[in-house]
Amino acid sequence: MNPQDIFDPTITFSQKMESVFRYQLEHQPVYRRFCEALKVDANSIPDPESVPLLPVEAFRDAVIGEPESADLEFRSSGTTGMKRSVHYVRDVSLYRTSILEGMRYFYETHDFSFLCYTPGYNENPHSSLIWMLRTLIESDKTGLSRFLKLNQPIDTELIRKVSEKSNRLILFGAAFGLLDLAEKHPVKLPENSIIIETGGMKTYRREMSRDDLHKRLSEAFKIPEKSVHSEYGMTEMLSQAYSGNDGWFYCPPWLNVSIRDPQNPLIQLPDGEEGLLGIIDLANLHSCSFLLTGDKGVKKGEAFQVLGRFEPENLRGCNFLIDQD
């Protein structure tokens, strides 16, 4: 298959998934052995609802991809001595296309400049988030996009220049890093700005609800609360999902999220039931596209919510959606 076919809207997700599934059974030995252990018939292509999902811990405990031919090597964050997940990226153009086309699917990125604030990630030279944000910065032809200096206020002259170029502003960064910035250096952003937080909690050691976080960012930067959004991604993925202010994430067309039964991850749970987030990320062509995360989630139609790390005793039933509506 042509790798860029992954982003072709004229090809159905099921057709693309079938090609990727066959390719990875042939070229990804870890995923092939996983499917063989589950006695999956290689000649019978499962549908997206029941395709075997490899636990993301495999990126920590095994070699996923081809280190010798990798363009990039991403590593998850971790303390000294901790064994970290490693994602070998053979075709950097797939990641670049996924980043840019994914953003364009939700935002008119040619109208935006990006200011990125990433404490905690800067120390990781193999951070996929840093590479993603650098790609967005380089896509801005005004030259005004950049990483913000840590522990410094946002330059109001820079904000003025962005407005003069008729560009809207996206302030993008780790959630609790942005909260640090908001508390220490609040500043008025143009009212049509958007804040996108990644959910990363690298600078605080306290719990806070998403609603409270978004409210504080809205108040500090003087933009409507509806303009504070979220992004969902991880080292093991090459695609991202985005959420408006209601907490429900949506996927670009080459990314699929399902809710899997923790006792039998081959089974997809119906809307409203909590379970493990399952990911099919077709941009992971040369590593593994079929992933079972350790995150708890719930779906409603095409949208999903992330409810924290999975803890078996905290699962609830189908009335969750009634509670939310």
C-alpha atoms as a PDB file:
ATOM      1  CA  MET A   1       0.000   0.000   0.000  1.00  0.00           C
ATOM      2  CA  ASN A   2       1.017   3.612  -0.523  1.00  0.00           C
ATOM      3  CA  PRO A   3       1.540   4.949   3.039  1.00  0.00           C
ATOM      4  CA  GLN A   4      -0.110   8.271   2.192  1.00  0.00           C
ATOM      5  CA  ASP A   5      -3.310   6.354   1.310  1.00  0.00           C
ATOM      6  CA  ILE A   6      -3.895   6.347   5.066  1.00  0.00           C
ATOM      7  CA  PHE A   7      -5.050   9.966   4.754  1.00  0.00           C
ATOM      8  CA  ASP A   8      -7.086   9.488   1.543  1.00  0.00           C
ATOM      9  CA  PRO A   9     -10.729  10.342   2.330  1.00  0.00           C
ATOM     10  CA  THR A  10     -11.966   8.354  -0.690  1.00  0.00           C
ATOM     11  CA  ILE A  11     -10.824   5.060   0.904  1.00  0.00           C
ATOM     12  CA  THR A  12     -12.937   3.725   3.772  1.00  0.00           C
ATOM     13  CA  PHE A  13     -11.444   3.198   7.205  1.00  0.00           C
ATOM     14  CA  SER A  14     -12.188  -0.539   7.011  1.00  0.00           C
ATOM     15  CA  GLN A  15     -10.348  -0.863   3.705  1.00  0.00           C
ATOM     16  CA  LYS A  16      -7.314   0.968   5.032  1.00  0.00           C
ATOM     17  CA  MET A  17      -7.390  -0.995   8.283  1.00  0.00           C
ATOM     18  CA  GLU A  18      -7.438  -4.291   6.376  1.00  0.00           C
ATOM     19  CA  SER A  19      -4.320  -3.298   4.423  1.00  0.00           C
ATOM     20  CA  VAL A  20      -2.517  -2.144   7.567  1.00  0.00           C
ATOM     21  CA  PHE A  21      -3.538  -5.297   9.488  1.00  0.00           C
ATOM     22  CA  ARG A  22      -2.145  -7.582   6.765  1.00  0.00           C
ATOM     23  CA  TYR A  23       1.019  -5.501   6.483  1.00  0.00           C
ATOM     24  CA  GLN A  24       1.701  -5.589  10.212  1.00  0.00           C
ATOM     25  CA  LEU A  25       1.053  -9.305  10.530  1.00  0.00           C
ATOM     26  CA  GLU A  26       3.762  -9.766   7.908  1.00  0.00           C
ATOM     27  CA  HIS A  27       6.267  -7.136   9.056  1.00  0.00           C
ATOM     28  CA  GLN A  28       5.720  -6.696  12.806  1.00  0.00           C
ATOM     29  CA  PRO A  29       6.796  -9.895  14.598  1.00  0.00           C
ATOM     30  CA  VAL A  30       5.669  -8.772  18.059  1.00  0.00           C
ATOM     31  CA  TYR A  31       2.132  -8.082  16.848  1.00  0.00           C
ATOM     32  CA  ARG A  32       2.113 -11.287  14.779  1.00  0.00           C
ATOM     33  CA  ARG A  33       3.081 -13.404  17.806  1.00  0.00           C
ATOM     34  CA  PHE A  34       0.429 -11.616  19.859  1.00  0.00           C
ATOM     35  CA  CYS A  35      -2.262 -12.479  17.297  1.00  0.00           C
ATOM     36  CA  GLU A  36      -1.021 -16.053  17.021  1.00  0.00           C
ATOM     37  CA  ALA A  37      -1.264 -16.434  20.813  1.00  0.00           C
ATOM     38  CA  LEU A  38      -4.898 -15.323  20.534  1.00  0.00           C
ATOM     39  CA  LYS A  39      -5.404 -17.836  17.703  1.00  0.00           C
ATOM     40  CA  VAL A  40      -6.449 -15.094  15.279  1.00  0.00           C
ATOM     41  CA  ASP A  41      -6.862 -16.406  11.749  1.00  0.00           C
ATOM     42  CA  ALA A  42      -4.483 -14.382   9.566  1.00  0.00           C
ATOM     43  CA  ASN A  43      -6.689 -15.091   6.549  1.00  0.00           C
ATOM     44  CA  SER A  44      -9.796 -13.657   8.189  1.00  0.00           C
ATOM     45  CA  ILE A  45      -9.644  -9.892   8.683  1.00  0.00           C
ATOM     46  CA  PRO A  46     -11.452  -8.837  11.873  1.00  0.00           C
ATOM     47  CA  ASP A  47     -13.587  -5.713  11.895  1.00  0.00           C
ATOM     48  CA  PRO A  48     -12.445  -2.625  13.840  1.00  0.00           C
ATOM     49  CA  GLU A  49     -14.693  -3.591  16.762  1.00  0.00           C
ATOM     50  CA  SER A  50     -12.910  -6.895  17.434  1.00  0.00           C
ATOM     51  CA  VAL A  51      -9.384  -6.550  16.021  1.00  0.00           C
ATOM     52  CA  PRO A  52      -6.748  -7.643  18.588  1.00  0.00           C
ATOM     53  CA  LEU A  53      -5.182  -4.668  20.378  1.00  0.00           C
ATOM     54  CA  LEU A  54      -1.605  -4.925  21.614  1.00  0.00           C
ATOM     55  CA  PRO A  55      -1.123  -3.509  25.150  1.00  0.00           C
ATOM     56  CA  VAL A  56       0.929  -0.307  24.929  1.00  0.00           C
ATOM     57  CA  GLU A  57       3.311  -1.769  27.527  1.00  0.00           C
ATOM     58  CA  ALA A  58       4.799  -3.707  24.597  1.00  0.00           C
ATOM     59  CA  PHE A  59       6.535  -0.474  23.543  1.00  0.00           C
ATOM     60  CA  ARG A  60       8.347  -0.633  26.891  1.00  0.00           C
ATOM     61  CA  ASP A  61       9.013  -4.362  27.097  1.00  0.00           C
ATOM     62  CA  ALA A  62       9.735  -5.262  23.450  1.00  0.00           C
ATOM     63  CA  VAL A  63      11.126  -3.697  20.269  1.00  0.00           C
ATOM     64  CA  ILE A  64       8.245  -2.337  18.198  1.00  0.00           C
ATOM     65  CA  GLY A  65       9.279  -1.169  14.747  1.00  0.00           C
ATOM     66  CA  GLU A  66      12.677  -1.222  13.085  1.00  0.00           C
ATOM     67  CA  PRO A  67      15.408   0.628  15.041  1.00  0.00           C
ATOM     68  CA  GLU A  68      17.967   0.256  12.272  1.00  0.00           C
ATOM     69  CA  SER A  69      15.793   2.054   9.708  1.00  0.00           C
ATOM     70  CA  ALA A  70      14.038   4.547  12.006  1.00  0.00           C
ATOM     71  CA  ASP A  71      13.974   8.252  11.126  1.00  0.00           C
ATOM     72  CA  LEU A  72      13.002   9.148  14.697  1.00  0.00           C
ATOM     73  CA  GLU A  73      13.035   7.582  18.136  1.00  0.00           C
ATOM     74  CA  PHE A  74      10.447   8.744  20.649  1.00  0.00           C
ATOM     75  CA  ARG A  75      10.635   7.899  24.343  1.00  0.00           C
ATOM     76  CA  SER A  76       8.007   8.429  27.009  1.00  0.00           C
ATOM     77  CA  SER A  77       8.750  10.666  29.968  1.00  0.00           C
ATOM     78  CA  GLY A  78      10.090   9.015  33.086  1.00  0.00           C
ATOM     79  CA  THR A  79      12.313   9.404  36.105  1.00  0.00           C
ATOM     80  CA  THR A  80      15.967   8.380  36.081  1.00  0.00           C
ATOM     81  CA  GLY A  81      16.338   4.614  35.874  1.00  0.00           C
ATOM     82  CA  MET A  82      12.714   4.026  34.844  1.00  0.00           C
ATOM     83  CA  LYS A  83      12.190   1.819  31.820  1.00  0.00           C
ATOM     84  CA  ARG A  84      10.434   3.952  29.218  1.00  0.00           C
ATOM     85  CA  SER A  85       8.339   3.188  26.161  1.00  0.00           C
ATOM     86  CA  VAL A  86      10.218   3.548  22.879  1.00  0.00           C
ATOM     87  CA  HIS A  87       8.509   4.237  19.557  1.00  0.00           C
ATOM     88  CA  TYR A  88      10.696   3.853  16.461  1.00  0.00           C
ATOM     89  CA  VAL A  89       9.327   5.940  13.569  1.00  0.00           C
ATOM     90  CA  ARG A  90      10.507   4.704  10.210  1.00  0.00           C
ATOM     91  CA  ASP A  91       8.707   7.217   7.986  1.00  0.00           C
ATOM     92  CA  VAL A  92       8.778  10.721   9.436  1.00  0.00           C
ATOM     93  CA  SER A  93       6.541  12.000   6.634  1.00  0.00           C
ATOM     94  CA  LEU A  94       3.637   9.957   8.057  1.00  0.00           C
ATOM     95  CA  TYR A  95       3.944  11.651  11.427  1.00  0.00           C
ATOM     96  CA  ARG A  96       4.263  15.090   9.860  1.00  0.00           C
ATOM     97  CA  THR A  97       1.206  14.527   7.675  1.00  0.00           C
ATOM     98  CA  SER A  98      -0.787  13.150  10.611  1.00  0.00           C
ATOM     99  CA  ILE A  99       0.065  16.209  12.740  1.00  0.00           C
ATOM    100  CA  LEU A 100      -0.777  18.792  10.093  1.00  0.00           C
ATOM    101  CA  GLU A 101      -3.797  17.083   8.550  1.00  0.00           C
ATOM    102  CA  GLY A 102      -5.143  16.207  11.994  1.00  0.00           C
ATOM    103  CA  MET A 103      -4.984  19.838  13.103  1.00  0.00           C
ATOM    104  CA  ARG A 104      -6.517  21.008   9.817  1.00  0.00           C
ATOM    105  CA  TYR A 105      -9.371  18.559  10.308  1.00  0.00           C
ATOM    106  CA  PHE A 106     -10.415  20.493  13.426  1.00  0.00           C
ATOM    107  CA  TYR A 107      -8.846  23.947  12.975  1.00  0.00           C
ATOM    108  CA  GLU A 108      -8.037  26.245  10.045  1.00  0.00           C
ATOM    109  CA  THR A 109      -4.341  26.132  10.887  1.00  0.00           C
ATOM    110  CA  HIS A 110      -3.282  28.528   8.112  1.00  0.00           C
ATOM    111  CA  ASP A 111      -5.026  31.244  10.166  1.00  0.00           C
ATOM    112  CA  PHE A 112      -3.149  30.466  13.400  1.00  0.00           C
ATOM    113  CA  SER A 113       0.170  31.184  15.071  1.00  0.00           C
ATOM    114  CA  PHE A 114       1.323  28.785  17.797  1.00  0.00           C
ATOM    115  CA  LEU A 115       2.855  29.671  21.141  1.00  0.00           C
ATOM    116  CA  CYS A 116       3.950  26.499  22.935  1.00  0.00           C
ATOM    117  CA  TYR A 117       4.704  26.065  26.624  1.00  0.00           C
ATOM    118  CA  THR A 118       6.172  22.696  27.598  1.00  0.00           C
ATOM    119  CA  PRO A 119       7.892  22.523  31.010  1.00  0.00           C
ATOM    120  CA  GLY A 120       8.798  18.952  31.872  1.00  0.00           C
ATOM    121  CA  TYR A 121       8.995  17.918  28.217  1.00  0.00           C
ATOM    122  CA  ASN A 122      11.957  20.114  27.291  1.00  0.00           C
ATOM    123  CA  GLU A 123      14.271  17.822  29.242  1.00  0.00           C
ATOM    124  CA  ASN A 124      13.261  14.843  27.098  1.00  0.00           C
ATOM    125  CA  PRO A 125      15.199  14.980  23.796  1.00  0.00           C
ATOM    126  CA  HIS A 126      13.011  12.166  22.455  1.00  0.00           C
ATOM    127  CA  SER A 127       9.625  13.770  23.202  1.00  0.00           C
ATOM    128  CA  SER A 128       6.995  13.183  20.510  1.00  0.00           C
ATOM    129  CA  LEU A 129       5.057  16.199  21.847  1.00  0.00           C
ATOM    130  CA  ILE A 130       8.022  18.527  21.312  1.00  0.00           C
ATOM    131  CA  TRP A 131       8.456  17.211  17.762  1.00  0.00           C
ATOM    132  CA  MET A 132       4.744  17.690  17.095  1.00  0.00           C
ATOM    133  CA  LEU A 133       4.743  21.277  18.348  1.00  0.00           C
ATOM    134  CA  ARG A 134       7.909  22.083  16.405  1.00  0.00           C
ATOM    135  CA  THR A 135       6.153  20.850  13.259  1.00  0.00           C
ATOM    136  CA  LEU A 136       3.200  23.169  13.951  1.00  0.00           C
ATOM    137  CA  ILE A 137       5.551  26.086  14.624  1.00  0.00           C
ATOM    138  CA  GLU A 138       7.373  25.509  11.336  1.00  0.00           C
ATOM    139  CA  SER A 139       4.058  25.418   9.453  1.00  0.00           C
ATOM    140  CA  ASP A 140       3.357  29.077  10.357  1.00  0.00           C
ATOM    141  CA  LYS A 141       4.639  31.186   7.489  1.00  0.00           C
ATOM    142  CA  THR A 142       4.535  34.413   9.553  1.00  0.00           C
ATOM    143  CA  GLY A 143       7.562  33.278  11.587  1.00  0.00           C
ATOM    144  CA  LEU A 144       5.839  34.365  14.797  1.00  0.00           C
ATOM    145  CA  SER A 145       5.181  30.888  16.212  1.00  0.00           C
ATOM    146  CA  ARG A 146       7.650  29.662  18.821  1.00  0.00           C
ATOM    147  CA  PHE A 147       8.297  27.859  22.089  1.00  0.00           C
ATOM    148  CA  LEU A 148       7.840  30.190  25.036  1.00  0.00           C
ATOM    149  CA  LYS A 149      10.652  30.652  27.527  1.00  0.00           C
ATOM    150  CA  LEU A 150       9.976  28.810  30.755  1.00  0.00           C
ATOM    151  CA  ASN A 151       8.911  30.812  33.800  1.00  0.00           C
ATOM    152  CA  GLN A 152       8.653  33.987  31.744  1.00  0.00           C
ATOM    153  CA  PRO A 153       5.529  36.001  30.844  1.00  0.00           C
ATOM    154  CA  ILE A 154       4.218  35.923  27.285  1.00  0.00           C
ATOM    155  CA  ASP A 155       5.603  38.898  25.370  1.00  0.00           C
ATOM    156  CA  THR A 156       2.700  41.299  24.811  1.00  0.00           C
ATOM    157  CA  GLU A 157       4.517  42.752  21.797  1.00  0.00           C
ATOM    158  CA  LEU A 158       4.521  39.274  20.235  1.00  0.00           C
ATOM    159  CA  ILE A 159       0.765  38.994  20.860  1.00  0.00           C
ATOM    160  CA  ARG A 160       0.283  42.365  19.153  1.00  0.00           C
ATOM    161  CA  LYS A 161       2.314  41.262  16.107  1.00  0.00           C
ATOM    162  CA  VAL A 162       0.225  38.102  15.738  1.00  0.00           C
ATOM    163  CA  SER A 163      -2.944  40.200  15.774  1.00  0.00           C
ATOM    164  CA  GLU A 164      -1.478  42.615  13.215  1.00  0.00           C
ATOM    165  CA  LYS A 165      -0.846  39.680  10.857  1.00  0.00           C
ATOM    166  CA  SER A 166      -4.563  38.849  11.188  1.00  0.00           C
ATOM    167  CA  ASN A 167      -3.596  35.483  12.635  1.00  0.00           C
ATOM    168  CA  ARG A 168      -5.463  33.885  15.492  1.00  0.00           C
ATOM    169  CA  LEU A 169      -3.397  32.572  18.371  1.00  0.00           C
ATOM    170  CA  ILE A 170      -3.211  29.021  19.714  1.00  0.00           C
ATOM    171  CA  LEU A 171      -1.508  28.682  23.096  1.00  0.00           C
ATOM    172  CA  PHE A 172      -0.584  24.987  23.196  1.00  0.00           C
ATOM    173  CA  GLY A 173       1.040  23.085  26.043  1.00  0.00           C
ATOM    174  CA  ALA A 174       1.045  20.714  28.978  1.00  0.00           C
ATOM    175  CA  ALA A 175      -2.014  21.348  31.134  1.00  0.00           C
ATOM    176  CA  PHE A 176      -0.390  22.036  34.462  1.00  0.00           C
ATOM    177  CA  GLY A 177       2.464  23.924  32.845  1.00  0.00           C
ATOM    178  CA  LEU A 178      -0.140  26.254  31.379  1.00  0.00           C
ATOM    179  CA  LEU A 179      -1.667  26.565  34.832  1.00  0.00           C
ATOM    180  CA  ASP A 180       1.748  27.598  36.176  1.00  0.00           C
ATOM    181  CA  LEU A 181       1.923  30.249  33.472  1.00  0.00           C
ATOM    182  CA  ALA A 182      -1.622  31.401  34.223  1.00  0.00           C
ATOM    183  CA  GLU A 183      -0.994  31.761  37.951  1.00  0.00           C
ATOM    184  CA  LYS A 184       2.400  33.447  37.735  1.00  0.00           C
ATOM    185  CA  HIS A 185       2.091  35.450  34.516  1.00  0.00           C
ATOM    186  CA  PRO A 186      -1.566  36.057  33.559  1.00  0.00           C
ATOM    187  CA  VAL A 187      -2.007  38.137  30.405  1.00  0.00           C
ATOM    188  CA  LYS A 188      -4.895  39.096  28.163  1.00  0.00           C
ATOM    189  CA  LEU A 189      -4.898  37.134  24.899  1.00  0.00           C
ATOM    190  CA  PRO A 190      -6.961  38.236  21.893  1.00  0.00           C
ATOM    191  CA  GLU A 191     -10.559  37.138  22.505  1.00  0.00           C
ATOM    192  CA  ASN A 192     -10.567  34.803  19.482  1.00  0.00           C
ATOM    193  CA  SER A 193      -7.517  32.869  20.753  1.00  0.00           C
ATOM    194  CA  ILE A 194      -7.659  29.161  21.581  1.00  0.00           C
ATOM    195  CA  ILE A 195      -5.822  27.330  24.356  1.00  0.00           C
ATOM    196  CA  ILE A 196      -5.102  23.611  23.801  1.00  0.00           C
ATOM    197  CA  GLU A 197      -3.897  21.619  26.811  1.00  0.00           C
ATOM    198  CA  THR A 198      -2.404  18.169  26.455  1.00  0.00           C
ATOM    199  CA  GLY A 199      -3.352  16.905  29.902  1.00  0.00           C
ATOM    200  CA  GLY A 200       0.291  16.392  30.894  1.00  0.00           C
ATOM    201  CA  MET A 201       0.816  17.067  34.609  1.00  0.00           C
ATOM    202  CA  LYS A 202       4.533  17.778  34.678  1.00  0.00           C
ATOM    203  CA  THR A 203       4.769  20.758  37.010  1.00  0.00           C
ATOM    204  CA  TYR A 204       2.114  20.158  39.651  1.00  0.00           C
ATOM    205  CA  ARG A 205       1.581  17.362  42.140  1.00  0.00           C
ATOM    206  CA  ARG A 206      -2.078  17.949  42.913  1.00  0.00           C
ATOM    207  CA  GLU A 207      -5.370  16.815  41.518  1.00  0.00           C
ATOM    208  CA  MET A 208      -7.658  19.165  39.612  1.00  0.00           C
ATOM    209  CA  SER A 209     -10.730  18.538  37.502  1.00  0.00           C
ATOM    210  CA  ARG A 210     -10.658  19.406  33.826  1.00  0.00           C
ATOM    211  CA  ASP A 211     -13.515  21.873  34.304  1.00  0.00           C
ATOM    212  CA  ASP A 212     -11.640  23.702  37.071  1.00  0.00           C
ATOM    213  CA  LEU A 213      -8.443  23.759  35.006  1.00  0.00           C
ATOM    214  CA  HIS A 214     -10.233  25.195  31.980  1.00  0.00           C
ATOM    215  CA  LYS A 215     -11.996  27.803  34.104  1.00  0.00           C
ATOM    216  CA  ARG A 216      -8.709  29.005  35.590  1.00  0.00           C
ATOM    217  CA  LEU A 217      -7.018  29.192  32.176  1.00  0.00           C
ATOM    218  CA  SER A 218     -10.006  31.099  30.802  1.00  0.00           C
ATOM    219  CA  GLU A 219      -9.895  33.624  33.638  1.00  0.00           C
ATOM    220  CA  ALA A 220      -6.115  34.130  33.540  1.00  0.00           C
ATOM    221  CA  PHE A 221      -5.874  34.654  29.790  1.00  0.00           C
ATOM    222  CA  LYS A 222      -9.190  36.511  29.425  1.00  0.00           C
ATOM    223  CA  ILE A 223     -10.738  34.291  26.751  1.00  0.00           C
ATOM    224  CA  PRO A 224     -14.122  32.492  26.802  1.00  0.00           C
ATOM    225  CA  GLU A 225     -14.097  29.144  28.594  1.00  0.00           C
ATOM    226  CA  LYS A 226     -15.462  27.509  25.418  1.00  0.00           C
ATOM    227  CA  SER A 227     -12.133  28.398  23.759  1.00  0.00           C
ATOM    228  CA  VAL A 228     -10.082  26.195  26.108  1.00  0.00           C
ATOM    229  CA  HIS A 229      -9.665  22.834  24.345  1.00  0.00           C
ATOM    230  CA  SER A 230      -7.833  19.548  24.943  1.00  0.00           C
ATOM    231  CA  GLU A 231      -5.642  17.158  22.949  1.00  0.00           C
ATOM    232  CA  TYR A 232      -5.240  13.410  23.486  1.00  0.00           C
ATOM    233  CA  GLY A 233      -2.141  11.575  22.330  1.00  0.00           C
ATOM    234  CA  MET A 234       0.772   9.519  23.620  1.00  0.00           C
ATOM    235  CA  THR A 235       4.287   8.395  22.728  1.00  0.00           C
ATOM    236  CA  GLU A 236       2.896   5.184  21.225  1.00  0.00           C
ATOM    237  CA  MET A 237       0.595   7.082  18.819  1.00  0.00           C
ATOM    238  CA  LEU A 238       1.335   9.202  15.745  1.00  0.00           C
ATOM    239  CA  SER A 239      -2.135  10.784  15.649  1.00  0.00           C
ATOM    240  CA  GLN A 240      -4.060  13.021  18.020  1.00  0.00           C
ATOM    241  CA  ALA A 241      -7.683  13.476  19.027  1.00  0.00           C
ATOM    242  CA  TYR A 242      -9.079  16.889  19.990  1.00  0.00           C
ATOM    243  CA  SER A 243     -11.835  18.071  22.295  1.00  0.00           C
ATOM    244  CA  GLY A 244     -13.720  21.328  22.598  1.00  0.00           C
ATOM    245  CA  ASN A 245     -14.628  22.556  26.049  1.00  0.00           C
ATOM    246  CA  ASP A 246     -17.223  19.831  26.703  1.00  0.00           C
ATOM    247  CA  GLY A 247     -14.610  17.124  27.349  1.00  0.00           C
ATOM    248  CA  TRP A 248     -15.640  14.869  24.444  1.00  0.00           C
ATOM    249  CA  PHE A 249     -12.791  13.994  22.071  1.00  0.00           C
ATOM    250  CA  TYR A 250     -13.150  13.425  18.328  1.00  0.00           C
ATOM    251  CA  CYS A 251     -10.763  11.623  15.979  1.00  0.00           C
ATOM    252  CA  PRO A 252      -9.464  12.424  12.503  1.00  0.00           C
ATOM    253  CA  PRO A 253     -10.620   9.867   9.907  1.00  0.00           C
ATOM    254  CA  TRP A 254      -7.530   7.603  10.172  1.00  0.00           C
ATOM    255  CA  LEU A 255      -7.822   7.241  13.963  1.00  0.00           C
ATOM    256  CA  ASN A 256     -10.401   5.025  15.676  1.00  0.00           C
ATOM    257  CA  VAL A 257     -11.125   4.780  19.402  1.00  0.00           C
ATOM    258  CA  SER A 258     -13.226   2.058  20.991  1.00  0.00           C
ATOM    259  CA  ILE A 259     -14.025   1.021  24.558  1.00  0.00           C
ATOM    260  CA  ARG A 260     -12.883  -2.528  25.305  1.00  0.00           C
ATOM    261  CA  ASP A 261     -13.978  -4.956  27.998  1.00  0.00           C
ATOM    262  CA  PRO A 262     -11.126  -5.138  30.555  1.00  0.00           C
ATOM    263  CA  GLN A 263     -11.821  -8.860  31.082  1.00  0.00           C
ATOM    264  CA  ASN A 264     -11.838  -9.594  27.337  1.00  0.00           C
ATOM    265  CA  PRO A 265     -10.367  -6.768  25.219  1.00  0.00           C
ATOM    266  CA  LEU A 266     -11.545  -8.487  22.006  1.00  0.00           C
ATOM    267  CA  ILE A 267     -15.050  -7.313  22.968  1.00  0.00           C
ATOM    268  CA  GLN A 268     -16.126  -3.727  22.339  1.00  0.00           C
ATOM    269  CA  LEU A 269     -18.427  -2.260  24.971  1.00  0.00           C
ATOM    270  CA  PRO A 270     -21.571  -0.280  24.057  1.00  0.00           C
ATOM    271  CA  ASP A 271     -21.979   3.467  24.487  1.00  0.00           C
ATOM    272  CA  GLY A 272     -22.061   4.539  28.110  1.00  0.00           C
ATOM    273  CA  GLU A 273     -20.101   1.638  29.581  1.00  0.00           C
ATOM    274  CA  GLU A 274     -16.669   2.360  31.000  1.00  0.00           C
ATOM    275  CA  GLY A 275     -13.712   0.255  29.953  1.00  0.00           C
ATOM    276  CA  LEU A 276     -10.239   0.421  28.458  1.00  0.00           C
ATOM    277  CA  LEU A 277      -9.548   2.844  25.633  1.00  0.00           C
ATOM    278  CA  GLY A 278      -8.636   0.955  22.478  1.00  0.00           C
ATOM    279  CA  ILE A 279      -6.789   2.751  19.693  1.00  0.00           C
ATOM    280  CA  ILE A 280      -6.461   2.021  15.981  1.00  0.00           C
ATOM    281  CA  ASP A 281      -3.957   4.564  14.672  1.00  0.00           C
ATOM    282  CA  LEU A 282      -3.305   3.870  11.004  1.00  0.00           C
ATOM    283  CA  ALA A 283      -0.439   6.390  10.973  1.00  0.00           C
ATOM    284  CA  ASN A 284       1.502   3.818  13.051  1.00  0.00           C
ATOM    285  CA  LEU A 285       2.002   1.866   9.832  1.00  0.00           C
ATOM    286  CA  HIS A 286       5.598   0.795  10.519  1.00  0.00           C
ATOM    287  CA  SER A 287       5.199   0.082  14.251  1.00  0.00           C
ATOM    288  CA  CYS A 288       1.817  -1.133  15.537  1.00  0.00           C
ATOM    289  CA  SER A 289      -1.533   0.486  14.773  1.00  0.00           C
ATOM    290  CA  PHE A 290      -3.623  -1.640  17.132  1.00  0.00           C
ATOM    291  CA  LEU A 291      -3.178  -0.550  20.740  1.00  0.00           C
ATOM    292  CA  LEU A 292      -4.836  -1.211  24.082  1.00  0.00           C
ATOM    293  CA  THR A 293      -4.128   1.652  26.486  1.00  0.00           C
ATOM    294  CA  GLY A 294      -4.161   1.733  30.262  1.00  0.00           C
ATOM    295  CA  ASP A 295      -6.650   4.610  30.181  1.00  0.00           C
ATOM    296  CA  LYS A 296     -10.261   4.330  31.250  1.00  0.00           C
ATOM    297  CA  GLY A 297     -12.830   5.828  28.912  1.00  0.00           C
ATOM    298  CA  VAL A 298     -16.400   5.927  27.663  1.00  0.00           C
ATOM    299  CA  LYS A 299     -17.964   6.601  24.241  1.00  0.00           C
ATOM    300  CA  LYS A 300     -21.060   8.374  22.966  1.00  0.00           C
ATOM    301  CA  GLY A 301     -21.432   7.996  19.210  1.00  0.00           C
ATOM    302  CA  GLU A 302     -18.220   9.148  17.545  1.00  0.00           C
ATOM    303  CA  ALA A 303     -16.989  10.947  20.666  1.00  0.00           C
ATOM    304  CA  PHE A 304     -15.103   9.604  23.663  1.00  0.00           C
ATOM    305  CA  GLN A 305     -14.032  10.801  27.095  1.00  0.00           C
ATOM    306  CA  VAL A 306     -10.856   9.971  28.999  1.00  0.00           C
ATOM    307  CA  LEU A 307     -11.642   9.177  32.635  1.00  0.00           C
ATOM    308  CA  GLY A 308      -8.151   8.683  34.043  1.00  0.00           C
ATOM    309  CA  ARG A 309      -6.063   5.578  34.529  1.00  0.00           C
ATOM    310  CA  PHE A 310      -7.899   2.267  34.630  1.00  0.00           C
ATOM    311  CA  GLU A 311      -8.830   0.987  38.082  1.00  0.00           C
ATOM    312  CA  PRO A 312     -11.076  -2.114  37.942  1.00  0.00           C
ATOM    313  CA  GLU A 313     -13.030  -1.304  41.106  1.00  0.00           C
ATOM    314  CA  ASN A 314     -14.164   2.081  39.752  1.00  0.00           C
ATOM    315  CA  LEU A 315     -16.024   0.975  36.622  1.00  0.00           C
ATOM    316  CA  ARG A 316     -19.627   2.100  36.296  1.00  0.00           C
ATOM    317  CA  GLY A 317     -22.458   1.031  34.056  1.00  0.00           C
ATOM    318  CA  CYS A 318     -24.571   2.370  31.225  1.00  0.00           C
ATOM    319  CA  ASN A 319     -26.231   5.139  33.224  1.00  0.00           C
ATOM    320  CA  PHE A 320     -22.993   7.164  32.993  1.00  0.00           C
ATOM    321  CA  LEU A 321     -24.242   9.018  29.906  1.00  0.00           C
ATOM    322  CA  ILE A 322     -27.499   9.870  31.638  1.00  0.00           C
ATOM    323  CA  ASP A 323     -25.445  11.425  34.456  1.00  0.00           C
ATOM    324  CA  GLN A 324     -23.512  13.512  31.921  1.00  0.00           C
ATOM    325  CA  ASP A 325     -26.416  14.775  29.801  1.00  0.00           C
END
